[in-house]
Amino acid sequence: MPAKNLFYLSILMVFIFIGIVLYYVESPWYLGVYPLGIITGTTGLLQIVLLVLSIRNVFQRGIQWRTLLSIGIEIVSILLMGYFFLIWLVVTLHI
């Protein structure tokens, strides 16, 4: 997959994740946090797939600035999604 497509996909995933989190922050609490955890976990898994594709792209085509930037964006967003997933676990399991 070209570096340009991976770069745009990683940015798109981050914006989708931010939009979903902002929607649930602004929505009433009775909607529950279950969809937030499911969406966060799914988006995190998709980000991990994009990270693997980006790393594979580095080995196949060499280092490009878009590939390095998308790897950085994916690592930061995976950490953020992991943080929100842990918050979801704490809230749902009442730890």
PDB file of N, CA and C in Angstrom:
ATOM      1  N   MET A   1       0.854  -1.173   0.000  1.00  0.00           N
ATOM      2  CA  MET A   1       0.000   0.000   0.000  1.00  0.00           C
ATOM      3  C   MET A   1       0.903   1.239   0.000  1.00  0.00           C
ATOM      4  N   PRO A   2       0.624   2.202  -0.847  1.00  0.00           N
ATOM      5  CA  PRO A   2       1.465   3.403  -0.897  1.00  0.00           C
ATOM      6  C   PRO A   2       1.458   4.177   0.418  1.00  0.00           C
ATOM      7  N   ALA A   3       2.561   4.868   0.661  1.00  0.00           N
ATOM      8  CA  ALA A   3       2.712   5.617   1.909  1.00  0.00           C
ATOM      9  C   ALA A   3       1.662   6.717   2.027  1.00  0.00           C
ATOM     10  N   LYS A   4       1.290   7.294   0.905  1.00  0.00           N
ATOM     11  CA  LYS A   4       0.299   8.363   0.925  1.00  0.00           C
ATOM     12  C   LYS A   4      -1.044   7.848   1.438  1.00  0.00           C
ATOM     13  N   ASN A   5      -1.451   6.666   0.987  1.00  0.00           N
ATOM     14  CA  ASN A   5      -2.719   6.092   1.442  1.00  0.00           C
ATOM     15  C   ASN A   5      -2.673   5.729   2.918  1.00  0.00           C
ATOM     16  N   LEU A   6      -1.557   5.156   3.379  1.00  0.00           N
ATOM     17  CA  LEU A   6      -1.428   4.822   4.794  1.00  0.00           C
ATOM     18  C   LEU A   6      -1.480   6.076   5.660  1.00  0.00           C
ATOM     19  N   PHE A   7      -0.850   7.130   5.185  1.00  0.00           N
ATOM     20  CA  PHE A   7      -0.848   8.393   5.920  1.00  0.00           C
ATOM     21  C   PHE A   7      -2.267   8.934   6.058  1.00  0.00           C
ATOM     22  N   TYR A   8      -3.005   8.953   4.964  1.00  0.00           N
ATOM     23  CA  TYR A   8      -4.377   9.461   5.013  1.00  0.00           C
ATOM     24  C   TYR A   8      -5.299   8.555   5.821  1.00  0.00           C
ATOM     25  N   LEU A   9      -5.100   7.248   5.747  1.00  0.00           N
ATOM     26  CA  LEU A   9      -5.906   6.325   6.545  1.00  0.00           C
ATOM     27  C   LEU A   9      -5.661   6.500   8.036  1.00  0.00           C
ATOM     28  N   SER A  10      -4.405   6.710   8.424  1.00  0.00           N
ATOM     29  CA  SER A  10      -4.117   6.887   9.847  1.00  0.00           C
ATOM     30  C   SER A  10      -4.726   8.185  10.371  1.00  0.00           C
ATOM     31  N   ILE A  11      -4.674   9.237   9.585  1.00  0.00           N
ATOM     32  CA  ILE A  11      -5.295  10.498  10.007  1.00  0.00           C
ATOM     33  C   ILE A  11      -6.813  10.349  10.061  1.00  0.00           C
ATOM     34  N   LEU A  12      -7.395   9.640   9.103  1.00  0.00           N
ATOM     35  CA  LEU A  12      -8.838   9.408   9.110  1.00  0.00           C
ATOM     36  C   LEU A  12      -9.265   8.626  10.348  1.00  0.00           C
ATOM     37  N   MET A  13      -8.510   7.617  10.723  1.00  0.00           N
ATOM     38  CA  MET A  13      -8.838   6.823  11.908  1.00  0.00           C
ATOM     39  C   MET A  13      -8.775   7.673  13.173  1.00  0.00           C
ATOM     40  N   VAL A  14      -7.805   8.559  13.257  1.00  0.00           N
ATOM     41  CA  VAL A  14      -7.698   9.433  14.426  1.00  0.00           C
ATOM     42  C   VAL A  14      -8.908  10.355  14.503  1.00  0.00           C
ATOM     43  N   PHE A  15      -9.316  10.933  13.380  1.00  0.00           N
ATOM     44  CA  PHE A  15     -10.475  11.823  13.395  1.00  0.00           C
ATOM     45  C   PHE A  15     -11.764  11.072  13.711  1.00  0.00           C
ATOM     46  N   ILE A  16     -11.902   9.852  13.220  1.00  0.00           N
ATOM     47  CA  ILE A  16     -13.077   9.044  13.570  1.00  0.00           C
ATOM     48  C   ILE A  16     -13.105   8.786  15.063  1.00  0.00           C
ATOM     49  N   PHE A  17     -11.963   8.426  15.617  1.00  0.00           N
ATOM     50  CA  PHE A  17     -11.885   8.147  17.048  1.00  0.00           C
ATOM     51  C   PHE A  17     -12.202   9.391  17.875  1.00  0.00           C
ATOM     52  N   ILE A  18     -11.636  10.532  17.510  1.00  0.00           N
ATOM     53  CA  ILE A  18     -11.896  11.773  18.247  1.00  0.00           C
ATOM     54  C   ILE A  18     -13.370  12.147  18.155  1.00  0.00           C
ATOM     55  N   GLY A  19     -13.968  11.997  16.985  1.00  0.00           N
ATOM     56  CA  GLY A  19     -15.388  12.302  16.831  1.00  0.00           C
ATOM     57  C   GLY A  19     -16.269  11.420  17.687  1.00  0.00           C
ATOM     58  N   ILE A  20     -15.952  10.144  17.753  1.00  0.00           N
ATOM     59  CA  ILE A  20     -16.749   9.224  18.566  1.00  0.00           C
ATOM     60  C   ILE A  20     -16.616   9.549  20.042  1.00  0.00           C
ATOM     61  N   VAL A  21     -15.399   9.817  20.487  1.00  0.00           N
ATOM     62  CA  VAL A  21     -15.198  10.160  21.902  1.00  0.00           C
ATOM     63  C   VAL A  21     -15.913  11.456  22.239  1.00  0.00           C
ATOM     64  N   LEU A  22     -15.816  12.462  21.382  1.00  0.00           N
ATOM     65  CA  LEU A  22     -16.507  13.726  21.650  1.00  0.00           C
ATOM     66  C   LEU A  22     -18.019  13.543  21.651  1.00  0.00           C
ATOM     67  N   TYR A  23     -18.530  12.678  20.791  1.00  0.00           N
ATOM     68  CA  TYR A  23     -19.966  12.414  20.776  1.00  0.00           C
ATOM     69  C   TYR A  23     -20.413  11.809  22.100  1.00  0.00           C
ATOM     70  N   TYR A  24     -19.648  10.851  22.596  1.00  0.00           N
ATOM     71  CA  TYR A  24     -20.040  10.210  23.846  1.00  0.00           C
ATOM     72  C   TYR A  24     -19.797  11.088  25.059  1.00  0.00           C
ATOM     73  N   VAL A  25     -18.832  11.999  24.983  1.00  0.00           N
ATOM     74  CA  VAL A  25     -18.624  12.930  26.092  1.00  0.00           C
ATOM     75  C   VAL A  25     -19.789  13.907  26.172  1.00  0.00           C
ATOM     76  N   GLU A  26     -20.283  14.341  25.027  1.00  0.00           N
ATOM     77  CA  GLU A  26     -21.373  15.310  25.000  1.00  0.00           C
ATOM     78  C   GLU A  26     -22.752  14.672  25.132  1.00  0.00           C
ATOM     79  N   SER A  27     -22.858  13.357  24.935  1.00  0.00           N
ATOM     80  CA  SER A  27     -24.165  12.703  24.988  1.00  0.00           C
ATOM     81  C   SER A  27     -24.548  12.400  26.434  1.00  0.00           C
ATOM     82  N   PRO A  28     -25.824  12.194  26.681  1.00  0.00           N
ATOM     83  CA  PRO A  28     -26.260  11.851  28.040  1.00  0.00           C
ATOM     84  C   PRO A  28     -25.664  10.525  28.494  1.00  0.00           C
ATOM     85  N   TRP A  29     -25.460  10.403  29.793  1.00  0.00           N
ATOM     86  CA  TRP A  29     -24.783   9.239  30.344  1.00  0.00           C
ATOM     87  C   TRP A  29     -25.622   7.960  30.218  1.00  0.00           C
ATOM     88  N   TYR A  30     -26.953   8.087  30.081  1.00  0.00           N
ATOM     89  CA  TYR A  30     -27.793   6.894  30.030  1.00  0.00           C
ATOM     90  C   TYR A  30     -27.608   6.092  28.746  1.00  0.00           C
ATOM     91  N   LEU A  31     -26.917   6.658  27.755  1.00  0.00           N
ATOM     92  CA  LEU A  31     -26.609   5.876  26.563  1.00  0.00           C
ATOM     93  C   LEU A  31     -25.633   4.749  26.872  1.00  0.00           C
ATOM     94  N   GLY A  32     -24.925   4.881  27.970  1.00  0.00           N
ATOM     95  CA  GLY A  32     -24.005   3.829  28.383  1.00  0.00           C
ATOM     96  C   GLY A  32     -22.638   3.967  27.755  1.00  0.00           C
ATOM     97  N   VAL A  33     -21.703   3.270  28.340  1.00  0.00           N
ATOM     98  CA  VAL A  33     -20.337   3.316  27.841  1.00  0.00           C
ATOM     99  C   VAL A  33     -19.971   2.061  27.058  1.00  0.00           C
ATOM    100  N   TYR A  34     -20.899   1.129  26.917  1.00  0.00           N
ATOM    101  CA  TYR A  34     -20.580  -0.100  26.191  1.00  0.00           C
ATOM    102  C   TYR A  34     -20.210   0.150  24.731  1.00  0.00           C
ATOM    103  N   PRO A  35     -20.961   0.969  23.988  1.00  0.00           N
ATOM    104  CA  PRO A  35     -20.542   1.228  22.598  1.00  0.00           C
ATOM    105  C   PRO A  35     -19.184   1.924  22.514  1.00  0.00           C
ATOM    106  N   LEU A  36     -18.869   2.772  23.497  1.00  0.00           N
ATOM    107  CA  LEU A  36     -17.579   3.465  23.483  1.00  0.00           C
ATOM    108  C   LEU A  36     -16.436   2.468  23.582  1.00  0.00           C
ATOM    109  N   GLY A  37     -16.563   1.486  24.455  1.00  0.00           N
ATOM    110  CA  GLY A  37     -15.506   0.484  24.591  1.00  0.00           C
ATOM    111  C   GLY A  37     -15.370  -0.386  23.364  1.00  0.00           C
ATOM    112  N   ILE A  38     -16.488  -0.755  22.784  1.00  0.00           N
ATOM    113  CA  ILE A  38     -16.444  -1.597  21.586  1.00  0.00           C
ATOM    114  C   ILE A  38     -15.818  -0.831  20.424  1.00  0.00           C
ATOM    115  N   ILE A  39     -16.229   0.417  20.245  1.00  0.00           N
ATOM    116  CA  ILE A  39     -15.693   1.222  19.146  1.00  0.00           C
ATOM    117  C   ILE A  39     -14.222   1.532  19.384  1.00  0.00           C
ATOM    118  N   THR A  40     -13.861   1.828  20.635  1.00  0.00           N
ATOM    119  CA  THR A  40     -12.466   2.119  20.943  1.00  0.00           C
ATOM    120  C   THR A  40     -11.590   0.897  20.704  1.00  0.00           C
ATOM    121  N   GLY A  41     -12.052  -0.265  21.142  1.00  0.00           N
ATOM    122  CA  GLY A  41     -11.278  -1.484  20.920  1.00  0.00           C
ATOM    123  C   GLY A  41     -11.129  -1.821  19.451  1.00  0.00           C
ATOM    124  N   THR A  42     -12.213  -1.676  18.694  1.00  0.00           N
ATOM    125  CA  THR A  42     -12.166  -1.967  17.259  1.00  0.00           C
ATOM    126  C   THR A  42     -11.256  -0.986  16.528  1.00  0.00           C
ATOM    127  N   THR A  43     -11.367   0.289  16.865  1.00  0.00           N
ATOM    128  CA  THR A  43     -10.520   1.288  16.226  1.00  0.00           C
ATOM    129  C   THR A  43      -9.061   1.066  16.592  1.00  0.00           C
ATOM    130  N   GLY A  44      -8.803   0.667  17.831  1.00  0.00           N
ATOM    131  CA  GLY A  44      -7.433   0.358  18.242  1.00  0.00           C
ATOM    132  C   GLY A  44      -6.854  -0.808  17.463  1.00  0.00           C
ATOM    133  N   LEU A  45      -7.664  -1.840  17.245  1.00  0.00           N
ATOM    134  CA  LEU A  45      -7.186  -2.978  16.455  1.00  0.00           C
ATOM    135  C   LEU A  45      -6.911  -2.573  15.007  1.00  0.00           C
ATOM    136  N   LEU A  46      -7.762  -1.719  14.448  1.00  0.00           N
ATOM    137  CA  LEU A  46      -7.520  -1.239  13.082  1.00  0.00           C
ATOM    138  C   LEU A  46      -6.252  -0.390  13.012  1.00  0.00           C
ATOM    139  N   GLN A  47      -5.987   0.389  14.061  1.00  0.00           N
ATOM    140  CA  GLN A  47      -4.754   1.173  14.096  1.00  0.00           C
ATOM    141  C   GLN A  47      -3.533   0.263  14.167  1.00  0.00           C
ATOM    142  N   ILE A  48      -3.634  -0.842  14.903  1.00  0.00           N
ATOM    143  CA  ILE A  48      -2.517  -1.784  14.970  1.00  0.00           C
ATOM    144  C   ILE A  48      -2.267  -2.400  13.594  1.00  0.00           C
ATOM    145  N   VAL A  49      -3.335  -2.708  12.864  1.00  0.00           N
ATOM    146  CA  VAL A  49      -3.183  -3.237  11.501  1.00  0.00           C
ATOM    147  C   VAL A  49      -2.507  -2.200  10.608  1.00  0.00           C
ATOM    148  N   LEU A  50      -2.923  -0.939  10.722  1.00  0.00           N
ATOM    149  CA  LEU A  50      -2.280   0.117   9.929  1.00  0.00           C
ATOM    150  C   LEU A  50      -0.816   0.277  10.304  1.00  0.00           C
ATOM    151  N   LEU A  51      -0.488   0.132  11.589  1.00  0.00           N
ATOM    152  CA  LEU A  51       0.905   0.235  12.026  1.00  0.00           C
ATOM    153  C   LEU A  51       1.743  -0.884  11.414  1.00  0.00           C
ATOM    154  N   VAL A  52       1.205  -2.095  11.409  1.00  0.00           N
ATOM    155  CA  VAL A  52       1.924  -3.220  10.799  1.00  0.00           C
ATOM    156  C   VAL A  52       2.123  -2.982   9.300  1.00  0.00           C
ATOM    157  N   LEU A  53       1.087  -2.477   8.627  1.00  0.00           N
ATOM    158  CA  LEU A  53       1.223  -2.182   7.194  1.00  0.00           C
ATOM    159  C   LEU A  53       2.257  -1.086   6.943  1.00  0.00           C
ATOM    160  N   SER A  54       2.305  -0.089   7.816  1.00  0.00           N
ATOM    161  CA  SER A  54       3.282   0.988   7.647  1.00  0.00           C
ATOM    162  C   SER A  54       4.702   0.482   7.853  1.00  0.00           C
ATOM    163  N   ILE A  55       4.888  -0.360   8.860  1.00  0.00           N
ATOM    164  CA  ILE A  55       6.227  -0.905   9.103  1.00  0.00           C
ATOM    165  C   ILE A  55       6.649  -1.803   7.937  1.00  0.00           C
ATOM    166  N   ARG A  56       5.713  -2.585   7.420  1.00  0.00           N
ATOM    167  CA  ARG A  56       6.008  -3.416   6.250  1.00  0.00           C
ATOM    168  C   ARG A  56       6.350  -2.548   5.039  1.00  0.00           C
ATOM    169  N   ASN A  57       5.677  -1.415   4.931  1.00  0.00           N
ATOM    170  CA  ASN A  57       5.932  -0.490   3.832  1.00  0.00           C
ATOM    171  C   ASN A  57       7.342   0.085   3.918  1.00  0.00           C
ATOM    172  N   VAL A  58       7.821   0.331   5.140  1.00  0.00           N
ATOM    173  CA  VAL A  58       9.185   0.839   5.306  1.00  0.00           C
ATOM    174  C   VAL A  58      10.190  -0.189   4.793  1.00  0.00           C
ATOM    175  N   PHE A  59       9.960  -1.461   5.097  1.00  0.00           N
ATOM    176  CA  PHE A  59      10.893  -2.494   4.652  1.00  0.00           C
ATOM    177  C   PHE A  59      10.820  -2.731   3.143  1.00  0.00           C
ATOM    178  N   GLN A  60       9.669  -2.520   2.551  1.00  0.00           N
ATOM    179  CA  GLN A  60       9.530  -2.767   1.113  1.00  0.00           C
ATOM    180  C   GLN A  60       9.999  -1.592   0.265  1.00  0.00           C
ATOM    181  N   ARG A  61       9.648  -0.385   0.663  1.00  0.00           N
ATOM    182  CA  ARG A  61       9.886   0.777  -0.201  1.00  0.00           C
ATOM    183  C   ARG A  61      10.902   1.763   0.349  1.00  0.00           C
ATOM    184  N   GLY A  62      11.400   1.528   1.533  1.00  0.00           N
ATOM    185  CA  GLY A  62      12.352   2.457   2.115  1.00  0.00           C
ATOM    186  C   GLY A  62      11.651   3.496   2.979  1.00  0.00           C
ATOM    187  N   ILE A  63      12.466   4.303   3.603  1.00  0.00           N
ATOM    188  CA  ILE A  63      11.936   5.301   4.533  1.00  0.00           C
ATOM    189  C   ILE A  63      11.454   6.521   3.751  1.00  0.00           C
ATOM    190  N   GLN A  64      10.214   6.894   4.002  1.00  0.00           N
ATOM    191  CA  GLN A  64       9.635   8.109   3.434  1.00  0.00           C
ATOM    192  C   GLN A  64       9.059   8.924   4.581  1.00  0.00           C
ATOM    193  N   TRP A  65       8.967  10.219   4.412  1.00  0.00           N
ATOM    194  CA  TRP A  65       8.514  11.052   5.527  1.00  0.00           C
ATOM    195  C   TRP A  65       7.057  10.783   5.872  1.00  0.00           C
ATOM    196  N   ARG A  66       6.241  10.480   4.873  1.00  0.00           N
ATOM    197  CA  ARG A  66       4.830  10.183   5.162  1.00  0.00           C
ATOM    198  C   ARG A  66       4.688   8.888   5.945  1.00  0.00           C
ATOM    199  N   THR A  67       5.514   7.915   5.616  1.00  0.00           N
ATOM    200  CA  THR A  67       5.454   6.647   6.341  1.00  0.00           C
ATOM    201  C   THR A  67       5.871   6.847   7.790  1.00  0.00           C
ATOM    202  N   LEU A  68       6.942   7.589   8.009  1.00  0.00           N
ATOM    203  CA  LEU A  68       7.385   7.841   9.383  1.00  0.00           C
ATOM    204  C   LEU A  68       6.351   8.644  10.160  1.00  0.00           C
ATOM    205  N   LEU A  69       5.739   9.610   9.510  1.00  0.00           N
ATOM    206  CA  LEU A  69       4.710  10.404  10.175  1.00  0.00           C
ATOM    207  C   LEU A  69       3.483   9.560  10.494  1.00  0.00           C
ATOM    208  N   SER A  70       3.095   8.686   9.586  1.00  0.00           N
ATOM    209  CA  SER A  70       1.936   7.832   9.868  1.00  0.00           C
ATOM    210  C   SER A  70       2.244   6.834  10.977  1.00  0.00           C
ATOM    211  N   ILE A  71       3.479   6.337  11.052  1.00  0.00           N
ATOM    212  CA  ILE A  71       3.854   5.443  12.154  1.00  0.00           C
ATOM    213  C   ILE A  71       3.763   6.186  13.478  1.00  0.00           C
ATOM    214  N   GLY A  72       4.240   7.425  13.519  1.00  0.00           N
ATOM    215  CA  GLY A  72       4.143   8.217  14.746  1.00  0.00           C
ATOM    216  C   GLY A  72       2.707   8.493  15.144  1.00  0.00           C
ATOM    217  N   ILE A  73       1.878   8.855  14.174  1.00  0.00           N
ATOM    218  CA  ILE A  73       0.463   9.114  14.454  1.00  0.00           C
ATOM    219  C   ILE A  73      -0.217   7.848  14.962  1.00  0.00           C
ATOM    220  N   GLU A  74       0.099   6.725  14.360  1.00  0.00           N
ATOM    221  CA  GLU A  74      -0.532   5.473  14.775  1.00  0.00           C
ATOM    222  C   GLU A  74      -0.109   5.066  16.178  1.00  0.00           C
ATOM    223  N   ILE A  75       1.161   5.252  16.520  1.00  0.00           N
ATOM    224  CA  ILE A  75       1.617   4.896  17.869  1.00  0.00           C
ATOM    225  C   ILE A  75       0.930   5.762  18.910  1.00  0.00           C
ATOM    226  N   VAL A  76       0.857   7.063  18.665  1.00  0.00           N
ATOM    227  CA  VAL A  76       0.196   7.962  19.620  1.00  0.00           C
ATOM    228  C   VAL A  76      -1.287   7.630  19.733  1.00  0.00           C
ATOM    229  N   SER A  77      -1.939   7.366  18.616  1.00  0.00           N
ATOM    230  CA  SER A  77      -3.371   7.065  18.684  1.00  0.00           C
ATOM    231  C   SER A  77      -3.636   5.707  19.322  1.00  0.00           C
ATOM    232  N   ILE A  78      -2.749   4.734  19.137  1.00  0.00           N
ATOM    233  CA  ILE A  78      -2.908   3.450  19.822  1.00  0.00           C
ATOM    234  C   ILE A  78      -2.795   3.646  21.324  1.00  0.00           C
ATOM    235  N   LEU A  79      -1.863   4.479  21.759  1.00  0.00           N
ATOM    236  CA  LEU A  79      -1.740   4.757  23.194  1.00  0.00           C
ATOM    237  C   LEU A  79      -2.987   5.450  23.733  1.00  0.00           C
ATOM    238  N   LEU A  80      -3.521   6.413  22.988  1.00  0.00           N
ATOM    239  CA  LEU A  80      -4.747   7.093  23.415  1.00  0.00           C
ATOM    240  C   LEU A  80      -5.935   6.142  23.453  1.00  0.00           C
ATOM    241  N   MET A  81      -6.044   5.303  22.451  1.00  0.00           N
ATOM    242  CA  MET A  81      -7.158   4.355  22.432  1.00  0.00           C
ATOM    243  C   MET A  81      -7.031   3.334  23.548  1.00  0.00           C
ATOM    244  N   GLY A  82      -5.819   2.934  23.854  1.00  0.00           N
ATOM    245  CA  GLY A  82      -5.607   2.039  24.985  1.00  0.00           C
ATOM    246  C   GLY A  82      -6.001   2.689  26.294  1.00  0.00           C
ATOM    247  N   TYR A  83      -5.701   3.984  26.426  1.00  0.00           N
ATOM    248  CA  TYR A  83      -6.081   4.720  27.629  1.00  0.00           C
ATOM    249  C   TYR A  83      -7.604   4.777  27.775  1.00  0.00           C
ATOM    250  N   PHE A  84      -8.305   5.117  26.694  1.00  0.00           N
ATOM    251  CA  PHE A  84      -9.765   5.168  26.764  1.00  0.00           C
ATOM    252  C   PHE A  84     -10.374   3.784  26.942  1.00  0.00           C
ATOM    253  N   PHE A  85      -9.731   2.757  26.392  1.00  0.00           N
ATOM    254  CA  PHE A  85     -10.218   1.394  26.583  1.00  0.00           C
ATOM    255  C   PHE A  85     -10.070   0.980  28.044  1.00  0.00           C
ATOM    256  N   LEU A  86      -8.965   1.376  28.680  1.00  0.00           N
ATOM    257  CA  LEU A  86      -8.797   1.077  30.109  1.00  0.00           C
ATOM    258  C   LEU A  86      -9.823   1.822  30.953  1.00  0.00           C
ATOM    259  N   ILE A  87     -10.113   3.071  30.600  1.00  0.00           N
ATOM    260  CA  ILE A  87     -11.163   3.813  31.312  1.00  0.00           C
ATOM    261  C   ILE A  87     -12.497   3.091  31.153  1.00  0.00           C
ATOM    262  N   TRP A  88     -12.781   2.623  29.955  1.00  0.00           N
ATOM    263  CA  TRP A  88     -14.020   1.880  29.723  1.00  0.00           C
ATOM    264  C   TRP A  88     -14.073   0.624  30.573  1.00  0.00           C
ATOM    265  N   LEU A  89     -12.952  -0.099  30.666  1.00  0.00           N
ATOM    266  CA  LEU A  89     -12.922  -1.300  31.499  1.00  0.00           C
ATOM    267  C   LEU A  89     -13.170  -0.975  32.964  1.00  0.00           C
ATOM    268  N   VAL A  90     -12.552   0.095  33.453  1.00  0.00           N
ATOM    269  CA  VAL A  90     -12.722   0.481  34.855  1.00  0.00           C
ATOM    270  C   VAL A  90     -14.167   0.871  35.127  1.00  0.00           C
ATOM    271  N   VAL A  91     -14.775   1.615  34.215  1.00  0.00           N
ATOM    272  CA  VAL A  91     -16.154   2.062  34.422  1.00  0.00           C
ATOM    273  C   VAL A  91     -17.131   0.891  34.340  1.00  0.00           C
ATOM    274  N   THR A  92     -16.929  -0.001  33.389  1.00  0.00           N
ATOM    275  CA  THR A  92     -17.891  -1.092  33.227  1.00  0.00           C
ATOM    276  C   THR A  92     -17.702  -2.191  34.256  1.00  0.00           C
ATOM    277  N   LEU A  93     -16.478  -2.435  34.678  1.00  0.00           N
ATOM    278  CA  LEU A  93     -16.236  -3.494  35.659  1.00  0.00           C
ATOM    279  C   LEU A  93     -16.264  -2.988  37.096  1.00  0.00           C
ATOM    280  N   HIS A  94     -16.371  -1.677  37.268  1.00  0.00           N
ATOM    281  CA  HIS A  94     -16.439  -1.035  38.593  1.00  0.00           C
ATOM    282  C   HIS A  94     -15.240  -1.419  39.460  1.00  0.00           C
ATOM    283  N   ILE A  95     -14.061  -1.312  38.875  1.00  0.00           N
ATOM    284  CA  ILE A  95     -12.836  -1.640  39.619  1.00  0.00           C
ATOM    285  C   ILE A  95     -12.491  -0.493  40.546  1.00  0.00           C
TER     286      ILE A  95
END
